Amino acid sequence: MKFDSGIRSKYRESIERAFEAILERGNDRHREVIGLILDSRMLIRVAPVRKLNASGITGLIDAGDTNDRIEDERLSVREAFDEIYITIAEETIDTGGQRGCEGTLVHEGQHALDFAQTIASFSDADFHPLSVFDPTLFELEWAAHVTSGEYMLRVARDEYLAEGLDLMILGRDDNGNCFLNEEGIRTRLRENYGLDPLNKPGKRASKMLRIGPR
């Protein structure tokens, strides 16, 4: 993992602490994703929210270069992480603190994993066309919301649980215990993202990334 140039020290430190926290508190999948990020040359950026219109975004550093690698190489998932960036909004860290930074890295980290799997499968599509991985936007956001909810439950601190409840990622049962709210996530994706798995699944990852199979 590498930081983009010019990131202020307070943001670098917050992101580094978030990686450490996720490795300590997360489940096996969270730790796997963070390990892949840290072992790769994935790019971490920070920018004002007005440039992102989101707490964070994930994409390709250079789609043309990625397409060239897909054509010329057979990439592993780890190698595909080298093609990806995550940008975190300054305001995510300024207002959300460590909770906001951790949550964004967990959510966007899942997107990075799904994009890396797409890239790797596309680089091997001539040999294994039936194994191509190309999820829809609904599938991408479903996976990211589920893994975010799982992380909130792992941390189990009031501020993390409260955010999960506010976002409908978590629910609370009659005994006051929080749980992963799959119906709430479906509602959130439908109402906030305009996504439905059958009628409005959204673009596939390859179209979002502007890549094609080998």
C-alpha atoms as a PDB file:
ATOM      1  CA  MET A   1       0.000   0.000   0.000  1.00  0.00           C
ATOM      2  CA  LYS A   2       1.216   3.491  -0.730  1.00  0.00           C
ATOM      3  CA  PHE A   3      -0.070   6.940   0.113  1.00  0.00           C
ATOM      4  CA  ASP A   4      -0.604   9.575  -2.535  1.00  0.00           C
ATOM      5  CA  SER A   5       1.742  12.524  -2.241  1.00  0.00           C
ATOM      6  CA  GLY A   6       0.714  15.534  -0.205  1.00  0.00           C
ATOM      7  CA  ILE A   7      -1.589  13.817   2.301  1.00  0.00           C
ATOM      8  CA  ARG A   8      -1.535  15.693   5.596  1.00  0.00           C
ATOM      9  CA  SER A   9       0.059  13.829   8.480  1.00  0.00           C
ATOM     10  CA  LYS A  10      -3.149  13.736  10.559  1.00  0.00           C
ATOM     11  CA  TYR A  11      -4.940  11.880   7.770  1.00  0.00           C
ATOM     12  CA  ARG A  12      -2.078   9.428   7.242  1.00  0.00           C
ATOM     13  CA  GLU A  13      -1.957   8.706  10.957  1.00  0.00           C
ATOM     14  CA  SER A  14      -5.719   8.192  11.154  1.00  0.00           C
ATOM     15  CA  ILE A  15      -5.665   5.777   8.206  1.00  0.00           C
ATOM     16  CA  GLU A  16      -2.732   3.839   9.657  1.00  0.00           C
ATOM     17  CA  ARG A  17      -4.524   3.554  13.011  1.00  0.00           C
ATOM     18  CA  ALA A  18      -7.654   2.377  11.193  1.00  0.00           C
ATOM     19  CA  PHE A  19      -5.724  -0.406   9.464  1.00  0.00           C
ATOM     20  CA  GLU A  20      -4.340  -1.516  12.832  1.00  0.00           C
ATOM     21  CA  ALA A  21      -7.788  -1.431  14.436  1.00  0.00           C
ATOM     22  CA  ILE A  22      -9.387  -3.493  11.658  1.00  0.00           C
ATOM     23  CA  LEU A  23      -6.624  -6.094  11.906  1.00  0.00           C
ATOM     24  CA  GLU A  24      -7.201  -6.277  15.655  1.00  0.00           C
ATOM     25  CA  ARG A  25     -11.007  -6.172  15.796  1.00  0.00           C
ATOM     26  CA  GLY A  26     -12.178  -7.494  12.451  1.00  0.00           C
ATOM     27  CA  ASN A  27     -13.161 -11.005  11.437  1.00  0.00           C
ATOM     28  CA  ASP A  28     -11.093 -13.250   9.169  1.00  0.00           C
ATOM     29  CA  ARG A  29     -12.433 -11.620   5.999  1.00  0.00           C
ATOM     30  CA  HIS A  30     -11.712  -8.104   7.250  1.00  0.00           C
ATOM     31  CA  ARG A  31      -8.163  -9.087   8.121  1.00  0.00           C
ATOM     32  CA  GLU A  32      -7.716 -10.817   4.772  1.00  0.00           C
ATOM     33  CA  VAL A  33      -8.716  -7.682   2.872  1.00  0.00           C
ATOM     34  CA  ILE A  34      -6.518  -5.389   4.943  1.00  0.00           C
ATOM     35  CA  GLY A  35      -3.623  -7.819   4.527  1.00  0.00           C
ATOM     36  CA  LEU A  36      -4.052  -7.743   0.746  1.00  0.00           C
ATOM     37  CA  ILE A  37      -4.130  -3.951   0.781  1.00  0.00           C
ATOM     38  CA  LEU A  38      -1.026  -3.636   2.939  1.00  0.00           C
ATOM     39  CA  ASP A  39       0.898  -6.217   0.894  1.00  0.00           C
ATOM     40  CA  SER A  40       0.077  -4.505  -2.406  1.00  0.00           C
ATOM     41  CA  ARG A  41       0.890  -1.210  -4.105  1.00  0.00           C
ATOM     42  CA  MET A  42      -2.706  -0.041  -3.859  1.00  0.00           C
ATOM     43  CA  LEU A  43      -2.944   3.755  -3.707  1.00  0.00           C
ATOM     44  CA  ILE A  44      -4.572   5.579  -0.786  1.00  0.00           C
ATOM     45  CA  ARG A  45      -5.787   9.103  -1.468  1.00  0.00           C
ATOM     46  CA  VAL A  46      -7.532  11.765   0.621  1.00  0.00           C
ATOM     47  CA  ALA A  47      -9.675  14.520  -0.924  1.00  0.00           C
ATOM     48  CA  PRO A  48     -12.449  16.959   0.046  1.00  0.00           C
ATOM     49  CA  VAL A  49     -15.913  15.456   0.034  1.00  0.00           C
ATOM     50  CA  ARG A  50     -17.040  17.930  -2.653  1.00  0.00           C
ATOM     51  CA  LYS A  51     -14.803  16.066  -5.095  1.00  0.00           C
ATOM     52  CA  LEU A  52     -16.149  12.642  -4.139  1.00  0.00           C
ATOM     53  CA  ASN A  53     -19.795  13.166  -3.182  1.00  0.00           C
ATOM     54  CA  ALA A  54     -19.250  10.233  -0.818  1.00  0.00           C
ATOM     55  CA  SER A  55     -17.322   9.293   2.316  1.00  0.00           C
ATOM     56  CA  GLY A  56     -14.993   7.279   0.089  1.00  0.00           C
ATOM     57  CA  ILE A  57     -14.666   5.892  -3.418  1.00  0.00           C
ATOM     58  CA  THR A  58     -12.753   3.030  -5.024  1.00  0.00           C
ATOM     59  CA  GLY A  59     -11.562   2.742  -8.613  1.00  0.00           C
ATOM     60  CA  LEU A  60      -8.688   2.111 -10.983  1.00  0.00           C
ATOM     61  CA  ILE A  61      -5.554   4.226 -10.963  1.00  0.00           C
ATOM     62  CA  ASP A  62      -5.339   3.975 -14.781  1.00  0.00           C
ATOM     63  CA  ALA A  63      -7.903   1.891 -16.669  1.00  0.00           C
ATOM     64  CA  GLY A  64      -5.728   1.801 -19.789  1.00  0.00           C
ATOM     65  CA  ASP A  65      -2.778   0.346 -17.886  1.00  0.00           C
ATOM     66  CA  THR A  66      -5.071  -2.195 -16.224  1.00  0.00           C
ATOM     67  CA  ASN A  67      -6.454  -3.322 -19.580  1.00  0.00           C
ATOM     68  CA  ASP A  68      -2.895  -3.727 -20.867  1.00  0.00           C
ATOM     69  CA  ARG A  69      -2.015  -5.927 -17.885  1.00  0.00           C
ATOM     70  CA  ILE A  70      -5.177  -7.991 -18.350  1.00  0.00           C
ATOM     71  CA  GLU A  71      -4.158  -8.576 -21.986  1.00  0.00           C
ATOM     72  CA  ASP A  72      -0.500  -9.357 -21.242  1.00  0.00           C
ATOM     73  CA  GLU A  73      -0.499 -11.074 -17.835  1.00  0.00           C
ATOM     74  CA  ARG A  74      -2.382 -13.551 -15.683  1.00  0.00           C
ATOM     75  CA  LEU A  75      -2.921 -11.588 -12.521  1.00  0.00           C
ATOM     76  CA  SER A  76      -3.528 -12.921  -9.038  1.00  0.00           C
ATOM     77  CA  VAL A  77      -6.005 -11.139  -6.797  1.00  0.00           C
ATOM     78  CA  ARG A  78      -3.079  -9.727  -4.808  1.00  0.00           C
ATOM     79  CA  GLU A  79      -1.427  -8.411  -7.967  1.00  0.00           C
ATOM     80  CA  ALA A  80      -4.712  -6.892  -9.106  1.00  0.00           C
ATOM     81  CA  PHE A  81      -4.797  -4.767  -5.941  1.00  0.00           C
ATOM     82  CA  ASP A  82      -1.842  -2.839  -7.428  1.00  0.00           C
ATOM     83  CA  GLU A  83      -4.267  -1.380  -9.996  1.00  0.00           C
ATOM     84  CA  ILE A  84      -6.709   0.042  -7.458  1.00  0.00           C
ATOM     85  CA  TYR A  85      -7.055   3.196  -5.391  1.00  0.00           C
ATOM     86  CA  ILE A  86      -9.234   4.104  -2.424  1.00  0.00           C
ATOM     87  CA  THR A  87      -9.956   7.778  -1.778  1.00  0.00           C
ATOM     88  CA  ILE A  88     -11.275   8.840   1.629  1.00  0.00           C
ATOM     89  CA  ALA A  89     -13.015  12.172   2.127  1.00  0.00           C
ATOM     90  CA  GLU A  90     -11.245  14.556   4.486  1.00  0.00           C
ATOM     91  CA  GLU A  91     -14.554  15.177   6.234  1.00  0.00           C
ATOM     92  CA  THR A  92     -14.962  11.453   6.927  1.00  0.00           C
ATOM     93  CA  ILE A  93     -11.948  11.664   9.219  1.00  0.00           C
ATOM     94  CA  ASP A  94     -12.562  15.224  10.466  1.00  0.00           C
ATOM     95  CA  THR A  95     -16.127  14.554  11.622  1.00  0.00           C
ATOM     96  CA  GLY A  96     -16.316  10.767  11.937  1.00  0.00           C
ATOM     97  CA  GLY A  97     -12.914  10.283  13.561  1.00  0.00           C
ATOM     98  CA  GLN A  98     -11.570   6.765  13.804  1.00  0.00           C
ATOM     99  CA  ARG A  99     -15.025   5.224  13.516  1.00  0.00           C
ATOM    100  CA  GLY A 100     -15.570   7.002  10.207  1.00  0.00           C
ATOM    101  CA  CYS A 101     -12.132   6.115   8.899  1.00  0.00           C
ATOM    102  CA  GLU A 102     -12.418   2.452   9.902  1.00  0.00           C
ATOM    103  CA  GLY A 103     -15.925   2.153   8.509  1.00  0.00           C
ATOM    104  CA  THR A 104     -14.953   3.673   5.177  1.00  0.00           C
ATOM    105  CA  LEU A 105     -11.903   1.429   4.837  1.00  0.00           C
ATOM    106  CA  VAL A 106     -13.985  -1.661   5.625  1.00  0.00           C
ATOM    107  CA  HIS A 107     -16.668  -0.682   3.102  1.00  0.00           C
ATOM    108  CA  GLU A 108     -14.303   0.479   0.362  1.00  0.00           C
ATOM    109  CA  GLY A 109     -11.919  -2.380   1.083  1.00  0.00           C
ATOM    110  CA  GLN A 110     -14.665  -4.829   0.122  1.00  0.00           C
ATOM    111  CA  HIS A 111     -15.138  -2.926  -3.132  1.00  0.00           C
ATOM    112  CA  ALA A 112     -11.382  -3.149  -3.711  1.00  0.00           C
ATOM    113  CA  LEU A 113     -11.480  -6.915  -3.156  1.00  0.00           C
ATOM    114  CA  ASP A 114     -14.388  -7.364  -5.562  1.00  0.00           C
ATOM    115  CA  PHE A 115     -12.680  -5.191  -8.184  1.00  0.00           C
ATOM    116  CA  ALA A 116      -9.421  -7.120  -7.754  1.00  0.00           C
ATOM    117  CA  GLN A 117     -11.264 -10.417  -8.199  1.00  0.00           C
ATOM    118  CA  THR A 118     -12.881  -9.025 -11.351  1.00  0.00           C
ATOM    119  CA  ILE A 119      -9.521  -7.932 -12.778  1.00  0.00           C
ATOM    120  CA  ALA A 120      -7.861 -11.255 -11.940  1.00  0.00           C
ATOM    121  CA  SER A 121     -10.686 -13.291 -13.468  1.00  0.00           C
ATOM    122  CA  PHE A 122     -10.689 -11.150 -16.612  1.00  0.00           C
ATOM    123  CA  SER A 123      -6.960 -11.759 -17.045  1.00  0.00           C
ATOM    124  CA  ASP A 124      -7.674 -15.499 -17.115  1.00  0.00           C
ATOM    125  CA  ALA A 125     -10.909 -15.351 -19.117  1.00  0.00           C
ATOM    126  CA  ASP A 126      -9.475 -17.024 -22.219  1.00  0.00           C
ATOM    127  CA  PHE A 127      -8.692 -20.177 -20.221  1.00  0.00           C
ATOM    128  CA  HIS A 128     -11.595 -20.058 -17.762  1.00  0.00           C
ATOM    129  CA  PRO A 129     -14.472 -18.082 -19.330  1.00  0.00           C
ATOM    130  CA  LEU A 130     -17.038 -19.645 -17.010  1.00  0.00           C
ATOM    131  CA  SER A 131     -15.126 -18.418 -13.957  1.00  0.00           C
ATOM    132  CA  VAL A 132     -15.298 -14.719 -14.840  1.00  0.00           C
ATOM    133  CA  PHE A 133     -16.332 -12.642 -11.822  1.00  0.00           C
ATOM    134  CA  ASP A 134     -18.264  -9.506 -12.751  1.00  0.00           C
ATOM    135  CA  PRO A 135     -20.715  -8.480 -10.019  1.00  0.00           C
ATOM    136  CA  THR A 136     -23.503  -5.950 -10.439  1.00  0.00           C
ATOM    137  CA  LEU A 137     -23.581  -2.697  -8.494  1.00  0.00           C
ATOM    138  CA  PHE A 138     -26.264  -4.217  -6.257  1.00  0.00           C
ATOM    139  CA  GLU A 139     -23.984  -7.172  -5.492  1.00  0.00           C
ATOM    140  CA  LEU A 140     -21.040  -4.850  -4.837  1.00  0.00           C
ATOM    141  CA  GLU A 141     -23.006  -2.667  -2.440  1.00  0.00           C
ATOM    142  CA  TRP A 142     -24.667  -5.635  -0.766  1.00  0.00           C
ATOM    143  CA  ALA A 143     -21.270  -7.175   0.018  1.00  0.00           C
ATOM    144  CA  ALA A 144     -19.876  -3.851   1.247  1.00  0.00           C
ATOM    145  CA  HIS A 145     -22.873  -3.164   3.507  1.00  0.00           C
ATOM    146  CA  VAL A 146     -22.830  -6.680   4.951  1.00  0.00           C
ATOM    147  CA  THR A 147     -19.124  -6.546   5.756  1.00  0.00           C
ATOM    148  CA  SER A 148     -19.603  -3.087   7.300  1.00  0.00           C
ATOM    149  CA  GLY A 149     -22.356  -4.429   9.531  1.00  0.00           C
ATOM    150  CA  GLU A 150     -20.228  -7.385  10.551  1.00  0.00           C
ATOM    151  CA  TYR A 151     -17.443  -5.011  11.548  1.00  0.00           C
ATOM    152  CA  MET A 152     -19.804  -2.832  13.605  1.00  0.00           C
ATOM    153  CA  LEU A 153     -20.963  -5.932  15.475  1.00  0.00           C
ATOM    154  CA  ARG A 154     -17.376  -7.057  16.055  1.00  0.00           C
ATOM    155  CA  VAL A 155     -16.415  -3.701  17.585  1.00  0.00           C
ATOM    156  CA  ALA A 156     -19.744  -3.494  19.469  1.00  0.00           C
ATOM    157  CA  ARG A 157     -19.181   0.015  20.807  1.00  0.00           C
ATOM    158  CA  ASP A 158     -22.162   2.323  21.197  1.00  0.00           C
ATOM    159  CA  GLU A 159     -21.115   4.805  18.494  1.00  0.00           C
ATOM    160  CA  TYR A 160     -20.501   2.023  15.959  1.00  0.00           C
ATOM    161  CA  LEU A 161     -23.806   0.310  16.737  1.00  0.00           C
ATOM    162  CA  ALA A 162     -25.698   3.614  16.656  1.00  0.00           C
ATOM    163  CA  GLU A 163     -24.360   4.356  13.183  1.00  0.00           C
ATOM    164  CA  GLY A 164     -25.343   0.882  12.009  1.00  0.00           C
ATOM    165  CA  LEU A 165     -28.858   1.334  13.338  1.00  0.00           C
ATOM    166  CA  ASP A 166     -29.168   4.797  11.747  1.00  0.00           C
ATOM    167  CA  LEU A 167     -28.089   3.390   8.369  1.00  0.00           C
ATOM    168  CA  MET A 168     -30.432   0.354   8.681  1.00  0.00           C
ATOM    169  CA  ILE A 169     -27.414  -1.944   8.389  1.00  0.00           C
ATOM    170  CA  LEU A 170     -28.112  -3.200  11.897  1.00  0.00           C
ATOM    171  CA  GLY A 171     -31.344  -3.936  13.728  1.00  0.00           C
ATOM    172  CA  ARG A 172     -32.160  -4.442  17.396  1.00  0.00           C
ATOM    173  CA  ASP A 173     -34.144  -7.390  18.717  1.00  0.00           C
ATOM    174  CA  ASP A 174     -36.635  -7.471  21.608  1.00  0.00           C
ATOM    175  CA  ASN A 175     -33.816  -8.171  24.046  1.00  0.00           C
ATOM    176  CA  GLY A 176     -31.893  -5.093  22.956  1.00  0.00           C
ATOM    177  CA  ASN A 177     -29.225  -7.028  21.053  1.00  0.00           C
ATOM    178  CA  CYS A 178     -28.052  -5.779  17.662  1.00  0.00           C
ATOM    179  CA  PHE A 179     -28.021  -8.000  14.584  1.00  0.00           C
ATOM    180  CA  LEU A 180     -27.157  -7.728  10.908  1.00  0.00           C
ATOM    181  CA  ASN A 181     -30.334  -6.341   9.332  1.00  0.00           C
ATOM    182  CA  GLU A 182     -30.498  -7.861   5.839  1.00  0.00           C
ATOM    183  CA  GLU A 183     -33.982  -6.503   5.199  1.00  0.00           C
ATOM    184  CA  GLY A 184     -32.793  -3.057   6.278  1.00  0.00           C
ATOM    185  CA  ILE A 185     -29.857  -3.284   3.880  1.00  0.00           C
ATOM    186  CA  ARG A 186     -32.210  -4.237   1.029  1.00  0.00           C
ATOM    187  CA  THR A 187     -34.399  -1.226   1.895  1.00  0.00           C
ATOM    188  CA  ARG A 188     -31.379   1.082   2.041  1.00  0.00           C
ATOM    189  CA  LEU A 189     -30.078  -0.110  -1.325  1.00  0.00           C
ATOM    190  CA  ARG A 190     -33.497   0.300  -2.883  1.00  0.00           C
ATOM    191  CA  GLU A 191     -34.327   3.714  -1.411  1.00  0.00           C
ATOM    192  CA  ASN A 192     -30.890   5.357  -1.239  1.00  0.00           C
ATOM    193  CA  TYR A 193     -29.154   3.741  -4.206  1.00  0.00           C
ATOM    194  CA  GLY A 194     -32.098   2.909  -6.464  1.00  0.00           C
ATOM    195  CA  LEU A 195     -30.940  -0.710  -6.660  1.00  0.00           C
ATOM    196  CA  ASP A 196     -32.932  -3.926  -6.780  1.00  0.00           C
ATOM    197  CA  PRO A 197     -31.331  -7.323  -7.491  1.00  0.00           C
ATOM    198  CA  LEU A 198     -33.930  -8.307 -10.100  1.00  0.00           C
ATOM    199  CA  ASN A 199     -35.250  -5.104 -11.674  1.00  0.00           C
ATOM    200  CA  LYS A 200     -32.445  -2.560 -11.147  1.00  0.00           C
ATOM    201  CA  PRO A 201     -29.182  -4.412 -10.423  1.00  0.00           C
ATOM    202  CA  GLY A 202     -27.026  -1.568 -11.751  1.00  0.00           C
ATOM    203  CA  LYS A 203     -23.913  -1.691 -13.902  1.00  0.00           C
ATOM    204  CA  ARG A 204     -21.472  -4.556 -13.702  1.00  0.00           C
ATOM    205  CA  ALA A 205     -18.036  -3.973 -12.205  1.00  0.00           C
ATOM    206  CA  SER A 206     -16.329  -4.236 -15.587  1.00  0.00           C
ATOM    207  CA  LYS A 207     -18.423  -1.388 -16.978  1.00  0.00           C
ATOM    208  CA  MET A 208     -17.714   0.764 -13.936  1.00  0.00           C
ATOM    209  CA  LEU A 209     -13.995   0.069 -14.238  1.00  0.00           C
ATOM    210  CA  ARG A 210     -13.968   0.253 -18.069  1.00  0.00           C
ATOM    211  CA  ILE A 211     -12.122  -3.034 -18.481  1.00  0.00           C
ATOM    212  CA  GLY A 212     -12.618  -5.981 -20.806  1.00  0.00           C
ATOM    213  CA  PRO A 213     -11.688  -9.676 -20.639  1.00  0.00           C
ATOM    214  CA  ARG A 214      -8.546 -11.150 -22.139  1.00  0.00           C
END
